[in-house]
Amino acid sequence: MEHKGPLPPTYLIVSIVAMVGFHLLWPGMQLLPFPWNLFGILFLAIGCFLNLTADAAFKKRQTTVKPSETSSALVTDGVFRVTRNPMYLGFVLILVGIGLFMGSLTPFAVIPLLGVLMDVMFIRAEERMLEEEFGDRWVRYKDETRRWV
């Protein structure tokens, strides 16, 4: 699979910038006042944990995290027992955390867009590649583990 264009972290960064822009320019309804908005830190921390843990699992198995490169190992333990895409789920949770922390409504419009983009631009192609590379092992894992949660 050859991917041309920005890698997933670029989409995360652009999403964060867009959320901040929406919050500053068109905040809409205020959802969470201080100190309730601090609850967003929990989601932010969980999202970062998922990303760091998944990255460590890939490094431990000496396989790539880049969607454009062929995986040399099928990682199914740790956070991958809960979700097939802990990094993308982590991205979404990071955005939820930032949205909660900002406390306004309009930044939340970005979150489903990132989820759909990750699915269309990366997840579907990654899953095809994993099925080609790992066959029945991938199919069993896919049948037993949800894509998101």
Protein backbone atom coordinates (compact mmCIF):
# COMPACT_ATOMS: atom_id res chain seq x y z
CA MET A 1 0.00 0.00 0.00
CA GLU A 2 1.45 3.33 -0.95
CA HIS A 3 0.10 6.40 0.78
CA LYS A 4 0.83 9.80 -0.63
CA GLY A 5 0.12 12.85 1.40
CA PRO A 6 0.09 13.75 5.06
CA LEU A 7 0.37 11.07 7.72
CA PRO A 8 -2.24 10.73 10.51
CA PRO A 9 -0.49 12.98 13.07
CA THR A 10 -0.73 15.85 10.59
CA TYR A 11 -4.51 15.43 10.53
CA LEU A 12 -4.55 15.49 14.32
CA ILE A 13 -2.58 18.74 14.42
CA VAL A 14 -4.78 20.35 11.76
CA SER A 15 -7.85 19.22 13.71
CA ILE A 16 -6.54 20.79 16.91
CA VAL A 17 -5.85 24.06 15.09
CA ALA A 18 -9.35 23.98 13.57
CA MET A 19 -10.92 23.33 16.99
CA VAL A 20 -9.06 26.25 18.53
CA GLY A 21 -10.10 28.44 15.60
CA PHE A 22 -13.76 27.48 16.00
CA HIS A 23 -13.54 28.10 19.74
CA LEU A 24 -12.02 31.55 19.29
CA LEU A 25 -14.03 32.71 16.27
CA TRP A 26 -17.42 30.98 16.68
CA PRO A 27 -17.59 29.38 20.13
CA GLY A 28 -21.33 28.79 20.02
CA MET A 29 -22.97 27.68 23.21
CA GLN A 30 -20.76 27.30 26.28
CA LEU A 31 -21.06 23.65 27.35
CA LEU A 32 -18.77 23.37 30.35
CA PRO A 33 -17.80 26.18 32.66
CA PHE A 34 -14.73 26.09 34.87
CA PRO A 35 -13.94 23.80 36.72
CA TRP A 36 -16.02 21.18 34.84
CA ASN A 37 -14.03 21.81 31.67
CA LEU A 38 -10.98 20.35 33.41
CA PHE A 39 -12.63 16.94 32.92
CA GLY A 40 -11.23 17.19 29.37
CA ILE A 41 -7.76 16.56 30.76
CA LEU A 42 -8.82 12.97 31.54
CA PHE A 43 -9.79 12.30 27.91
CA LEU A 44 -6.63 14.00 26.70
CA ALA A 45 -4.53 11.81 28.99
CA ILE A 46 -6.31 8.60 27.93
CA GLY A 47 -5.84 9.49 24.26
CA CYS A 48 -2.13 10.15 24.78
CA PHE A 49 -1.80 6.91 26.76
CA LEU A 50 -3.40 4.89 23.95
CA ASN A 51 -1.07 6.41 21.37
CA LEU A 52 2.09 5.94 23.41
CA THR A 53 1.16 2.39 24.43
CA ALA A 54 0.31 1.35 20.86
CA ASP A 55 3.52 2.93 19.55
CA ALA A 56 5.53 1.05 22.19
CA ALA A 57 3.85 -2.23 21.19
CA PHE A 58 4.82 -1.67 17.55
CA LYS A 59 8.40 -0.87 18.52
CA LYS A 60 8.58 -3.94 20.75
CA ARG A 61 7.51 -6.12 17.76
CA GLN A 62 9.82 -4.14 15.45
CA THR A 63 7.01 -3.28 13.06
CA THR A 64 6.06 0.02 11.52
CA VAL A 65 3.50 2.57 12.64
CA LYS A 66 3.43 4.20 9.21
CA PRO A 67 0.31 3.35 7.22
CA SER A 68 2.27 3.31 3.97
CA GLU A 69 4.65 0.56 5.08
CA THR A 70 3.94 -3.15 5.29
CA SER A 71 3.59 -4.48 8.82
CA SER A 72 5.99 -7.23 9.80
CA ALA A 73 3.93 -8.30 12.83
CA LEU A 74 0.24 -8.46 13.73
CA VAL A 75 -0.07 -6.85 17.16
CA THR A 76 -3.16 -8.14 19.00
CA ASP A 77 -2.31 -7.81 22.68
CA GLY A 78 -2.31 -4.92 25.13
CA VAL A 79 -4.48 -2.02 23.97
CA PHE A 80 -5.02 -3.89 20.69
CA ARG A 81 -7.23 -6.36 22.60
CA VAL A 82 -9.72 -3.53 23.17
CA THR A 83 -9.59 -1.80 19.79
CA ARG A 84 -8.00 -2.53 16.42
CA ASN A 85 -7.10 1.14 16.10
CA PRO A 86 -5.89 2.47 19.45
CA MET A 87 -3.92 5.29 17.84
CA TYR A 88 -6.88 6.63 15.87
CA LEU A 89 -9.12 6.18 18.91
CA GLY A 90 -6.47 8.04 20.88
CA PHE A 91 -6.60 10.89 18.36
CA VAL A 92 -10.38 11.14 18.80
CA LEU A 93 -10.08 11.08 22.60
CA ILE A 94 -7.40 13.77 22.47
CA LEU A 95 -9.80 15.95 20.47
CA VAL A 96 -12.67 15.20 22.86
CA GLY A 97 -10.43 16.21 25.74
CA ILE A 98 -9.42 19.45 24.04
CA GLY A 99 -13.05 20.19 23.17
CA LEU A 100 -14.17 19.62 26.75
CA PHE A 101 -11.33 21.72 28.06
CA MET A 102 -12.27 24.62 25.77
CA GLY A 103 -15.86 24.18 26.91
CA SER A 104 -17.63 25.53 23.81
CA LEU A 105 -19.80 23.72 21.31
CA THR A 106 -18.38 24.40 17.83
CA PRO A 107 -14.99 22.66 18.26
CA PHE A 108 -16.85 19.34 18.53
CA ALA A 109 -17.78 19.57 14.83
CA VAL A 110 -14.18 18.64 13.98
CA ILE A 111 -14.17 15.33 15.87
CA PRO A 112 -16.45 13.24 13.63
CA LEU A 113 -14.66 14.64 10.59
CA LEU A 114 -11.33 13.35 11.87
CA GLY A 115 -12.86 9.93 12.58
CA VAL A 116 -14.31 9.67 9.07
CA LEU A 117 -11.06 10.89 7.49
CA MET A 118 -9.01 8.32 9.40
CA ASP A 119 -11.41 5.58 8.33
CA VAL A 120 -11.54 6.56 4.66
CA MET A 121 -7.91 7.57 4.20
CA PHE A 122 -6.10 5.06 6.39
CA ILE A 123 -8.06 2.37 8.24
CA ARG A 124 -9.71 0.72 5.23
CA ALA A 125 -6.43 0.47 3.32
CA GLU A 126 -4.54 -0.70 6.41
CA GLU A 127 -7.11 -3.43 7.02
CA ARG A 128 -6.89 -4.65 3.41
CA MET A 129 -3.10 -4.78 3.72
CA LEU A 130 -3.28 -6.64 7.03
CA GLU A 131 -5.66 -9.22 5.55
CA GLU A 132 -3.33 -9.75 2.60
CA GLU A 133 -0.30 -10.00 4.87
CA PHE A 134 -1.72 -12.08 7.74
CA GLY A 135 -4.73 -13.87 6.22
CA ASP A 136 -6.77 -15.97 8.66
CA ARG A 137 -4.95 -14.55 11.72
CA TRP A 138 -6.13 -11.07 10.74
CA VAL A 139 -9.67 -12.24 9.98
CA ARG A 140 -9.96 -13.94 13.40
CA TYR A 141 -8.59 -10.85 15.14
CA LYS A 142 -10.92 -8.58 13.15
CA ASP A 143 -13.91 -10.75 14.06
CA GLU A 144 -13.00 -10.69 17.77
CA THR A 145 -11.96 -7.03 18.16
CA ARG A 146 -13.92 -3.89 17.37
CA ARG A 147 -12.56 -1.31 14.98
CA TRP A 148 -12.99 1.58 17.44
CA VAL A 149 -14.38 0.39 20.82
